[in-house]
């Protein structure tokens, strides 16, 4: 079971991306738990998940969150803004899975 969390400003638009990612995982037969949280929940969520993807709207938080993620041994990246805007759940899922290899 892969555990991925997306972090954004409030969790609204990102929850739609999460649904697209879940659909892509189901189509590929990949067991994944994927959630979206607001950036205030980052510290509490990080230890429970395998990797984190940041919404493009909070990429300014990347360096701060990267330090915390590295200390916890977890990969982190910013979602490609084009993939995010186009809701390409399959592409974003593939990016997340490749980070966990």
PDB file of N, CA and C in Angstrom:
ATOM      1  N   UNK A   1       0.846  -1.195   0.000  1.00  0.00           N
ATOM      2  CA  UNK A   1       0.000   0.000   0.000  1.00  0.00           C
ATOM      3  C   UNK A   1       0.881   1.244   0.000  1.00  0.00           C
ATOM      4  N   UNK A   2       0.719   2.061  -1.028  1.00  0.00           N
ATOM      5  CA  UNK A   2       1.446   3.329  -1.114  1.00  0.00           C
ATOM      6  C   UNK A   2       0.608   4.404  -0.427  1.00  0.00           C
ATOM      7  N   UNK A   3       1.253   5.209   0.394  1.00  0.00           N
ATOM      8  CA  UNK A   3       0.543   6.272   1.105  1.00  0.00           C
ATOM      9  C   UNK A   3       1.106   7.618   0.675  1.00  0.00           C
ATOM     10  N   UNK A   4       0.280   8.389  -0.016  1.00  0.00           N
ATOM     11  CA  UNK A   4       0.699   9.661  -0.605  1.00  0.00           C
ATOM     12  C   UNK A   4      -0.198  10.765  -0.067  1.00  0.00           C
ATOM     13  N   UNK A   5       0.404  11.883   0.323  1.00  0.00           N
ATOM     14  CA  UNK A   5      -0.444  13.017   0.670  1.00  0.00           C
ATOM     15  C   UNK A   5      -0.058  14.247  -0.134  1.00  0.00           C
ATOM     16  N   UNK A   6      -1.101  14.967  -0.531  1.00  0.00           N
ATOM     17  CA  UNK A   6      -0.937  16.219  -1.252  1.00  0.00           C
ATOM     18  C   UNK A   6      -1.211  17.335  -0.265  1.00  0.00           C
ATOM     19  N   UNK A   7      -0.407  18.352  -0.326  1.00  0.00           N
ATOM     20  CA  UNK A   7      -0.526  19.461   0.611  1.00  0.00           C
ATOM     21  C   UNK A   7      -0.744  20.737  -0.190  1.00  0.00           C
ATOM     22  N   UNK A   8      -1.737  21.525   0.212  1.00  0.00           N
ATOM     23  CA  UNK A   8      -1.992  22.782  -0.499  1.00  0.00           C
ATOM     24  C   UNK A   8      -2.488  23.837   0.477  1.00  0.00           C
ATOM     25  N   UNK A   9      -2.905  24.956  -0.051  1.00  0.00           N
ATOM     26  CA  UNK A   9      -3.317  26.077   0.793  1.00  0.00           C
ATOM     27  C   UNK A   9      -4.503  25.700   1.681  1.00  0.00           C
ATOM     28  N   UNK A  10      -5.578  25.165   1.073  1.00  0.00           N
ATOM     29  CA  UNK A  10      -6.754  24.837   1.869  1.00  0.00           C
ATOM     30  C   UNK A  10      -7.270  23.422   1.655  1.00  0.00           C
ATOM     31  N   UNK A  11      -6.841  22.747   0.590  1.00  0.00           N
ATOM     32  CA  UNK A  11      -7.282  21.378   0.343  1.00  0.00           C
ATOM     33  C   UNK A  11      -8.465  21.256  -0.607  1.00  0.00           C
ATOM     34  N   UNK A  12      -8.894  22.361  -1.217  1.00  0.00           N
ATOM     35  CA  UNK A  12     -10.080  22.303  -2.078  1.00  0.00           C
ATOM     36  C   UNK A  12      -9.774  21.761  -3.474  1.00  0.00           C
ATOM     37  N   UNK A  13      -9.052  22.525  -4.286  1.00  0.00           N
ATOM     38  CA  UNK A  13      -8.776  22.067  -5.653  1.00  0.00           C
ATOM     39  C   UNK A  13      -7.939  20.793  -5.631  1.00  0.00           C
ATOM     40  N   UNK A  14      -7.103  20.648  -4.623  1.00  0.00           N
ATOM     41  CA  UNK A  14      -6.244  19.474  -4.543  1.00  0.00           C
ATOM     42  C   UNK A  14      -7.066  18.210  -4.308  1.00  0.00           C
ATOM     43  N   UNK A  15      -8.213  18.322  -3.655  1.00  0.00           N
ATOM     44  CA  UNK A  15      -9.029  17.127  -3.435  1.00  0.00           C
ATOM     45  C   UNK A  15      -9.560  16.587  -4.766  1.00  0.00           C
ATOM     46  N   UNK A  16      -9.757  17.452  -5.752  1.00  0.00           N
ATOM     47  CA  UNK A  16     -10.165  16.975  -7.079  1.00  0.00           C
ATOM     48  C   UNK A  16      -9.014  16.214  -7.739  1.00  0.00           C
ATOM     49  N   UNK A  17      -7.794  16.690  -7.550  1.00  0.00           N
ATOM     50  CA  UNK A  17      -6.618  15.990  -8.084  1.00  0.00           C
ATOM     51  C   UNK A  17      -6.490  14.626  -7.404  1.00  0.00           C
ATOM     52  N   UNK A  18      -6.723  14.573  -6.101  1.00  0.00           N
ATOM     53  CA  UNK A  18      -6.670  13.310  -5.357  1.00  0.00           C
ATOM     54  C   UNK A  18      -7.636  12.300  -5.970  1.00  0.00           C
ATOM     55  N   UNK A  19      -8.858  12.730  -6.292  1.00  0.00           N
ATOM     56  CA  UNK A  19      -9.840  11.820  -6.890  1.00  0.00           C
ATOM     57  C   UNK A  19      -9.345  11.279  -8.227  1.00  0.00           C
ATOM     58  N   UNK A  20      -8.721  12.138  -9.036  1.00  0.00           N
ATOM     59  CA  UNK A  20      -8.175  11.700 -10.329  1.00  0.00           C
ATOM     60  C   UNK A  20      -7.033  10.703 -10.113  1.00  0.00           C
ATOM     61  N   UNK A  21      -6.212  10.944  -9.099  1.00  0.00           N
ATOM     62  CA  UNK A  21      -5.112  10.027  -8.793  1.00  0.00           C
ATOM     63  C   UNK A  21      -5.648   8.676  -8.325  1.00  0.00           C
ATOM     64  N   UNK A  22      -6.704   8.689  -7.499  1.00  0.00           N
ATOM     65  CA  UNK A  22      -7.305   7.447  -7.019  1.00  0.00           C
ATOM     66  C   UNK A  22      -7.879   6.642  -8.186  1.00  0.00           C
ATOM     67  N   UNK A  23      -8.515   7.335  -9.133  1.00  0.00           N
ATOM     68  CA  UNK A  23      -9.052   6.661 -10.321  1.00  0.00           C
ATOM     69  C   UNK A  23      -7.920   6.010 -11.111  1.00  0.00           C
ATOM     70  N   UNK A  24      -6.825   6.745 -11.294  1.00  0.00           N
ATOM     71  CA  UNK A  24      -5.675   6.222 -12.043  1.00  0.00           C
ATOM     72  C   UNK A  24      -5.078   5.004 -11.335  1.00  0.00           C
ATOM     73  N   UNK A  25      -4.965   5.071 -10.004  1.00  0.00           N
ATOM     74  CA  UNK A  25      -4.417   3.947  -9.234  1.00  0.00           C
ATOM     75  C   UNK A  25      -5.321   2.715  -9.386  1.00  0.00           C
ATOM     76  N   UNK A  26      -6.636   2.911  -9.312  1.00  0.00           N
ATOM     77  CA  UNK A  26      -7.580   1.800  -9.439  1.00  0.00           C
ATOM     78  C   UNK A  26      -7.468   1.154 -10.829  1.00  0.00           C
ATOM     79  N   UNK A  27      -7.353   1.985 -11.855  1.00  0.00           N
ATOM     80  CA  UNK A  27      -7.229   1.471 -13.231  1.00  0.00           C
ATOM     81  C   UNK A  27      -5.955   0.654 -13.419  1.00  0.00           C
ATOM     82  N   UNK A  28      -4.895   1.048 -12.706  1.00  0.00           N
ATOM     83  CA  UNK A  28      -3.612   0.359 -12.836  1.00  0.00           C
ATOM     84  C   UNK A  28      -3.461  -0.781 -11.823  1.00  0.00           C
ATOM     85  N   UNK A  29      -4.457  -0.964 -10.966  1.00  0.00           N
ATOM     86  CA  UNK A  29      -4.385  -2.012  -9.958  1.00  0.00           C
ATOM     87  C   UNK A  29      -3.365  -1.721  -8.866  1.00  0.00           C
ATOM     88  N   UNK A  30      -3.134  -0.436  -8.585  1.00  0.00           N
ATOM     89  CA  UNK A  30      -2.173  -0.026  -7.553  1.00  0.00           C
ATOM     90  C   UNK A  30      -2.943   0.297  -6.272  1.00  0.00           C
ATOM     91  N   UNK A  31      -2.525  -0.354  -5.175  1.00  0.00           N
ATOM     92  CA  UNK A  31      -3.150  -0.039  -3.893  1.00  0.00           C
ATOM     93  C   UNK A  31      -2.517   1.230  -3.352  1.00  0.00           C
ATOM     94  N   UNK A  32      -3.342   2.268  -3.202  1.00  0.00           N
ATOM     95  CA  UNK A  32      -2.804   3.548  -2.732  1.00  0.00           C
ATOM     96  C   UNK A  32      -3.812   4.255  -1.846  1.00  0.00           C
ATOM     97  N   UNK A  33      -3.289   4.847  -0.802  1.00  0.00           N
ATOM     98  CA  UNK A  33      -4.090   5.736   0.039  1.00  0.00           C
ATOM     99  C   UNK A  33      -3.593   7.138  -0.291  1.00  0.00           C
ATOM    100  N   UNK A  34      -4.493   7.975  -0.799  1.00  0.00           N
ATOM    101  CA  UNK A  34      -4.108   9.312  -1.245  1.00  0.00           C
ATOM    102  C   UNK A  34      -5.060  10.310  -0.600  1.00  0.00           C
ATOM    103  N   UNK A  35      -4.494  11.308   0.075  1.00  0.00           N
ATOM    104  CA  UNK A  35      -5.320  12.326   0.730  1.00  0.00           C
ATOM    105  C   UNK A  35      -4.786  13.716   0.405  1.00  0.00           C
ATOM    106  N   UNK A  36      -5.616  14.715   0.671  1.00  0.00           N
ATOM    107  CA  UNK A  36      -5.202  16.116   0.551  1.00  0.00           C
ATOM    108  C   UNK A  36      -5.359  16.777   1.911  1.00  0.00           C
ATOM    109  N   UNK A  37      -4.352  17.545   2.298  1.00  0.00           N
ATOM    110  CA  UNK A  37      -4.420  18.271   3.569  1.00  0.00           C
ATOM    111  C   UNK A  37      -4.008  19.723   3.344  1.00  0.00           C
ATOM    112  N   UNK A  38      -4.450  20.584   4.250  1.00  0.00           N
ATOM    113  CA  UNK A  38      -4.022  21.982   4.228  1.00  0.00           C
ATOM    114  C   UNK A  38      -2.594  22.055   4.777  1.00  0.00           C
ATOM    115  N   UNK A  39      -1.854  23.100   4.410  1.00  0.00           N
ATOM    116  CA  UNK A  39      -0.448  23.167   4.816  1.00  0.00           C
ATOM    117  C   UNK A  39      -0.265  23.205   6.329  1.00  0.00           C
ATOM    118  N   UNK A  40      -1.278  23.630   7.066  1.00  0.00           N
ATOM    119  CA  UNK A  40      -1.194  23.626   8.534  1.00  0.00           C
ATOM    120  C   UNK A  40      -1.110  22.205   9.091  1.00  0.00           C
ATOM    121  N   UNK A  41      -1.535  21.222   8.296  1.00  0.00           N
ATOM    122  CA  UNK A  41      -1.540  19.829   8.750  1.00  0.00           C
ATOM    123  C   UNK A  41      -0.290  19.061   8.314  1.00  0.00           C
ATOM    124  N   UNK A  42       0.637  19.723   7.634  1.00  0.00           N
ATOM    125  CA  UNK A  42       1.825  19.063   7.092  1.00  0.00           C
ATOM    126  C   UNK A  42       2.598  18.293   8.170  1.00  0.00           C
ATOM    127  N   UNK A  43       2.930  18.962   9.271  1.00  0.00           N
ATOM    128  CA  UNK A  43       3.764  18.344  10.309  1.00  0.00           C
ATOM    129  C   UNK A  43       3.130  17.090  10.902  1.00  0.00           C
ATOM    130  N   UNK A  44       1.816  17.105  11.105  1.00  0.00           N
ATOM    131  CA  UNK A  44       1.135  15.939  11.688  1.00  0.00           C
ATOM    132  C   UNK A  44       0.961  14.803  10.694  1.00  0.00           C
ATOM    133  N   UNK A  45       0.861  15.139   9.405  1.00  0.00           N
ATOM    134  CA  UNK A  45       0.594  14.128   8.379  1.00  0.00           C
ATOM    135  C   UNK A  45       1.869  13.444   7.898  1.00  0.00           C
ATOM    136  N   UNK A  46       2.955  14.175   7.833  1.00  0.00           N
ATOM    137  CA  UNK A  46       4.219  13.666   7.277  1.00  0.00           C
ATOM    138  C   UNK A  46       4.644  12.295   7.816  1.00  0.00           C
ATOM    139  N   UNK A  47       4.647  12.065   9.132  1.00  0.00           N
ATOM    140  CA  UNK A  47       5.141  10.769   9.633  1.00  0.00           C
ATOM    141  C   UNK A  47       4.300   9.561   9.203  1.00  0.00           C
ATOM    142  N   UNK A  48       3.041   9.801   8.828  1.00  0.00           N
ATOM    143  CA  UNK A  48       2.125   8.697   8.537  1.00  0.00           C
ATOM    144  C   UNK A  48       2.100   8.304   7.059  1.00  0.00           C
ATOM    145  N   UNK A  49       2.789   9.065   6.193  1.00  0.00           N
ATOM    146  CA  UNK A  49       2.717   8.835   4.745  1.00  0.00           C
ATOM    147  C   UNK A  49       4.096   8.614   4.142  1.00  0.00           C
ATOM    148  N   UNK A  50       4.105   7.986   2.943  1.00  0.00           N
ATOM    149  CA  UNK A  50       5.370   7.639   2.281  1.00  0.00           C
ATOM    150  C   UNK A  50       5.986   8.808   1.520  1.00  0.00           C
ATOM    151  N   UNK A  51       5.142   9.694   0.988  1.00  0.00           N
ATOM    152  CA  UNK A  51       5.685  10.851   0.263  1.00  0.00           C
ATOM    153  C   UNK A  51       4.675  11.977   0.238  1.00  0.00           C
ATOM    154  N   UNK A  52       5.169  13.161  -0.076  1.00  0.00           N
ATOM    155  CA  UNK A  52       4.332  14.359  -0.104  1.00  0.00           C
ATOM    156  C   UNK A  52       4.502  15.079  -1.435  1.00  0.00           C
ATOM    157  N   UNK A  53       3.392  15.542  -1.967  1.00  0.00           N
ATOM    158  CA  UNK A  53       3.402  16.405  -3.145  1.00  0.00           C
ATOM    159  C   UNK A  53       2.754  17.726  -2.752  1.00  0.00           C
ATOM    160  N   UNK A  54       3.426  18.820  -3.076  1.00  0.00           N
ATOM    161  CA  UNK A  54       2.879  20.143  -2.774  1.00  0.00           C
ATOM    162  C   UNK A  54       2.140  20.688  -3.980  1.00  0.00           C
ATOM    163  N   UNK A  55       0.999  21.316  -3.722  1.00  0.00           N
ATOM    164  CA  UNK A  55       0.279  22.002  -4.795  1.00  0.00           C
ATOM    165  C   UNK A  55       1.118  23.169  -5.287  1.00  0.00           C
ATOM    166  N   UNK A  56       1.057  23.477  -6.584  1.00  0.00           N
ATOM    167  CA  UNK A  56       1.876  24.559  -7.137  1.00  0.00           C
ATOM    168  C   UNK A  56       1.644  25.903  -6.447  1.00  0.00           C
ATOM    169  N   UNK A  57       0.443  26.103  -5.884  1.00  0.00           N
ATOM    170  CA  UNK A  57       0.139  27.379  -5.237  1.00  0.00           C
ATOM    171  C   UNK A  57       0.908  27.596  -3.930  1.00  0.00           C
ATOM    172  N   UNK A  58       1.518  26.541  -3.381  1.00  0.00           N
ATOM    173  CA  UNK A  58       2.319  26.727  -2.159  1.00  0.00           C
ATOM    174  C   UNK A  58       3.776  26.323  -2.380  1.00  0.00           C
ATOM    175  N   UNK A  59       4.249  26.408  -3.620  1.00  0.00           N
ATOM    176  CA  UNK A  59       5.645  26.018  -3.862  1.00  0.00           C
ATOM    177  C   UNK A  59       6.623  26.903  -3.094  1.00  0.00           C
ATOM    178  N   UNK A  60       6.183  28.078  -2.664  1.00  0.00           N
ATOM    179  CA  UNK A  60       7.041  28.939  -1.836  1.00  0.00           C
ATOM    180  C   UNK A  60       7.366  28.300  -0.486  1.00  0.00           C
ATOM    181  N   UNK A  61       6.609  27.270  -0.081  1.00  0.00           N
ATOM    182  CA  UNK A  61       6.862  26.563   1.183  1.00  0.00           C
ATOM    183  C   UNK A  61       7.799  25.371   0.993  1.00  0.00           C
ATOM    184  N   UNK A  62       8.202  25.100  -0.259  1.00  0.00           N
ATOM    185  CA  UNK A  62       8.959  23.884  -0.560  1.00  0.00           C
ATOM    186  C   UNK A  62      10.230  23.744   0.263  1.00  0.00           C
ATOM    187  N   UNK A  63      11.064  24.771   0.317  1.00  0.00           N
ATOM    188  CA  UNK A  63      12.340  24.651   1.041  1.00  0.00           C
ATOM    189  C   UNK A  63      12.122  24.359   2.517  1.00  0.00           C
ATOM    190  N   UNK A  64      11.156  25.019   3.113  1.00  0.00           N
ATOM    191  CA  UNK A  64      10.845  24.797   4.540  1.00  0.00           C
ATOM    192  C   UNK A  64      10.367  23.350   4.767  1.00  0.00           C
ATOM    193  N   UNK A  65       9.428  22.894   3.927  1.00  0.00           N
ATOM    194  CA  UNK A  65       8.887  21.550   4.074  1.00  0.00           C
ATOM    195  C   UNK A  65       9.907  20.483   3.680  1.00  0.00           C
ATOM    196  N   UNK A  66      10.777  20.806   2.727  1.00  0.00           N
ATOM    197  CA  UNK A  66      11.786  19.842   2.284  1.00  0.00           C
ATOM    198  C   UNK A  66      12.724  19.477   3.437  1.00  0.00           C
ATOM    199  N   UNK A  67      13.109  20.456   4.244  1.00  0.00           N
ATOM    200  CA  UNK A  67      13.986  20.191   5.395  1.00  0.00           C
ATOM    201  C   UNK A  67      13.325  19.193   6.349  1.00  0.00           C
ATOM    202  N   UNK A  68      12.045  19.397   6.619  1.00  0.00           N
ATOM    203  CA  UNK A  68      11.306  18.512   7.520  1.00  0.00           C
ATOM    204  C   UNK A  68      11.163  17.117   6.907  1.00  0.00           C
ATOM    205  N   UNK A  69      10.862  17.065   5.601  1.00  0.00           N
ATOM    206  CA  UNK A  69      10.682  15.775   4.920  1.00  0.00           C
ATOM    207  C   UNK A  69      11.995  14.998   4.881  1.00  0.00           C
ATOM    208  N   UNK A  70      13.091  15.684   4.584  1.00  0.00           N
ATOM    209  CA  UNK A  70      14.397  15.012   4.544  1.00  0.00           C
ATOM    210  C   UNK A  70      14.770  14.473   5.919  1.00  0.00           C
ATOM    211  N   UNK A  71      14.478  15.246   6.970  1.00  0.00           N
ATOM    212  CA  UNK A  71      14.772  14.794   8.332  1.00  0.00           C
ATOM    213  C   UNK A  71      13.982  13.525   8.655  1.00  0.00           C
ATOM    214  N   UNK A  72      12.794  13.397   8.072  1.00  0.00           N
ATOM    215  CA  UNK A  72      11.942  12.222   8.305  1.00  0.00           C
ATOM    216  C   UNK A  72      12.220  11.113   7.286  1.00  0.00           C
ATOM    217  N   UNK A  73      13.112  11.384   6.332  1.00  0.00           N
ATOM    218  CA  UNK A  73      13.433  10.386   5.312  1.00  0.00           C
ATOM    219  C   UNK A  73      12.327  10.174   4.295  1.00  0.00           C
ATOM    220  N   UNK A  74      11.566  11.228   4.013  1.00  0.00           N
ATOM    221  CA  UNK A  74      10.429  11.127   3.086  1.00  0.00           C
ATOM    222  C   UNK A  74      10.672  12.004   1.859  1.00  0.00           C
ATOM    223  N   UNK A  75      10.365  11.479   0.658  1.00  0.00           N
ATOM    224  CA  UNK A  75      10.505  12.302  -0.540  1.00  0.00           C
ATOM    225  C   UNK A  75       9.396  13.349  -0.630  1.00  0.00           C
ATOM    226  N   UNK A  76       9.728  14.487  -1.228  1.00  0.00           N
ATOM    227  CA  UNK A  76       8.769  15.579  -1.390  1.00  0.00           C
ATOM    228  C   UNK A  76       9.053  16.276  -2.717  1.00  0.00           C
ATOM    229  N   UNK A  77       8.005  16.754  -3.369  1.00  0.00           N
ATOM    230  CA  UNK A  77       8.161  17.485  -4.626  1.00  0.00           C
ATOM    231  C   UNK A  77       6.960  18.406  -4.812  1.00  0.00           C
ATOM    232  N   UNK A  78       7.112  19.354  -5.717  1.00  0.00           N
ATOM    233  CA  UNK A  78       6.013  20.237  -6.094  1.00  0.00           C
ATOM    234  C   UNK A  78       5.361  19.644  -7.346  1.00  0.00           C
ATOM    235  N   UNK A  79       4.054  19.581  -7.355  1.00  0.00           N
ATOM    236  CA  UNK A  79       3.332  19.056  -8.519  1.00  0.00           C
ATOM    237  C   UNK A  79       3.537  20.012  -9.696  1.00  0.00           C
ATOM    238  N   UNK A  80       3.813  19.441 -10.856  1.00  0.00           N
ATOM    239  CA  UNK A  80       3.947  20.232 -12.081  1.00  0.00           C
ATOM    240  C   UNK A  80       2.656  21.032 -12.287  1.00  0.00           C
ATOM    241  N   UNK A  81       2.777  22.363 -12.473  1.00  0.00           N
ATOM    242  CA  UNK A  81       1.578  23.192 -12.541  1.00  0.00           C
ATOM    243  C   UNK A  81       0.684  22.860 -13.728  1.00  0.00           C
ATOM    244  N   UNK A  82       1.277  22.437 -14.833  1.00  0.00           N
ATOM    245  CA  UNK A  82       0.472  22.068 -16.002  1.00  0.00           C
ATOM    246  C   UNK A  82      -0.342  20.799 -15.698  1.00  0.00           C
ATOM    247  N   UNK A  83       0.312  19.792 -15.091  1.00  0.00           N
ATOM    248  CA  UNK A  83      -0.392  18.557 -14.731  1.00  0.00           C
ATOM    249  C   UNK A  83      -1.502  18.852 -13.719  1.00  0.00           C
ATOM    250  N   UNK A  84      -1.202  19.741 -12.774  1.00  0.00           N
ATOM    251  CA  UNK A  84      -2.172  20.112 -11.743  1.00  0.00           C
ATOM    252  C   UNK A  84      -3.382  20.789 -12.372  1.00  0.00           C
ATOM    253  N   UNK A  85      -3.117  21.771 -13.206  1.00  0.00           N
ATOM    254  CA  UNK A  85      -4.191  22.533 -13.839  1.00  0.00           C
ATOM    255  C   UNK A  85      -5.054  21.674 -14.747  1.00  0.00           C
ATOM    256  N   UNK A  86      -4.439  20.706 -15.411  1.00  0.00           N
ATOM    257  CA  UNK A  86      -5.165  19.820 -16.325  1.00  0.00           C
ATOM    258  C   UNK A  86      -5.742  18.603 -15.593  1.00  0.00           C
ATOM    259  N   UNK A  87      -5.497  18.524 -14.274  1.00  0.00           N
ATOM    260  CA  UNK A  87      -5.988  17.408 -13.444  1.00  0.00           C
ATOM    261  C   UNK A  87      -5.521  16.054 -14.002  1.00  0.00           C
ATOM    262  N   UNK A  88      -4.257  15.968 -14.355  1.00  0.00           N
ATOM    263  CA  UNK A  88      -3.693  14.717 -14.891  1.00  0.00           C
ATOM    264  C   UNK A  88      -3.312  13.791 -13.735  1.00  0.00           C
ATOM    265  N   UNK A  89      -4.313  13.149 -13.165  1.00  0.00           N
ATOM    266  CA  UNK A  89      -4.097  12.272 -12.015  1.00  0.00           C
ATOM    267  C   UNK A  89      -3.123  11.149 -12.294  1.00  0.00           C
ATOM    268  N   UNK A  90      -3.179  10.587 -13.515  1.00  0.00           N
ATOM    269  CA  UNK A  90      -2.281   9.478 -13.855  1.00  0.00           C
ATOM    270  C   UNK A  90      -0.828   9.928 -13.862  1.00  0.00           C
ATOM    271  N   UNK A  91      -0.560  11.100 -14.397  1.00  0.00           N
ATOM    272  CA  UNK A  91       0.808  11.624 -14.471  1.00  0.00           C
ATOM    273  C   UNK A  91       1.323  11.970 -13.068  1.00  0.00           C
ATOM    274  N   UNK A  92       0.481  12.617 -12.266  1.00  0.00           N
ATOM    275  CA  UNK A  92       0.877  13.004 -10.910  1.00  0.00           C
ATOM    276  C   UNK A  92       1.117  11.757 -10.060  1.00  0.00           C
ATOM    277  N   UNK A  93       0.273  10.742 -10.227  1.00  0.00           N
ATOM    278  CA  UNK A  93       0.464   9.473  -9.517  1.00  0.00           C
ATOM    279  C   UNK A  93       1.792   8.837  -9.918  1.00  0.00           C
ATOM    280  N   UNK A  94       2.076   8.813 -11.212  1.00  0.00           N
ATOM    281  CA  UNK A  94       3.332   8.234 -11.699  1.00  0.00           C
ATOM    282  C   UNK A  94       4.533   8.966 -11.111  1.00  0.00           C
ATOM    283  N   UNK A  95       4.443  10.303 -11.040  1.00  0.00           N
ATOM    284  CA  UNK A  95       5.532  11.101 -10.442  1.00  0.00           C
ATOM    285  C   UNK A  95       5.733  10.720  -8.976  1.00  0.00           C
ATOM    286  N   UNK A  96       4.636  10.581  -8.240  1.00  0.00           N
ATOM    287  CA  UNK A  96       4.709  10.229  -6.812  1.00  0.00           C
ATOM    288  C   UNK A  96       5.338   8.839  -6.635  1.00  0.00           C
ATOM    289  N   UNK A  97       4.882   7.883  -7.441  1.00  0.00           N
ATOM    290  CA  UNK A  97       5.393   6.512  -7.323  1.00  0.00           C
ATOM    291  C   UNK A  97       6.879   6.452  -7.651  1.00  0.00           C
ATOM    292  N   UNK A  98       7.325   7.226  -8.631  1.00  0.00           N
ATOM    293  CA  UNK A  98       8.744   7.209  -8.994  1.00  0.00           C
ATOM    294  C   UNK A  98       9.613   7.793  -7.880  1.00  0.00           C
ATOM    295  N   UNK A  99       9.063   8.706  -7.073  1.00  0.00           N
ATOM    296  CA  UNK A  99       9.798   9.279  -5.946  1.00  0.00           C
ATOM    297  C   UNK A  99      10.050   8.244  -4.851  1.00  0.00           C
ATOM    298  N   UNK A 100       9.180   7.241  -4.774  1.00  0.00           N
ATOM    299  CA  UNK A 100       9.245   6.263  -3.690  1.00  0.00           C
ATOM    300  C   UNK A 100      10.090   5.040  -4.034  1.00  0.00           C
ATOM    301  N   UNK A 101      10.697   5.008  -5.189  1.00  0.00           N
ATOM    302  CA  UNK A 101      11.478   3.835  -5.632  1.00  0.00           C
ATOM    303  C   UNK A 101      12.776   3.735  -4.858  1.00  0.00           C
TER     304      UNK A 101
END
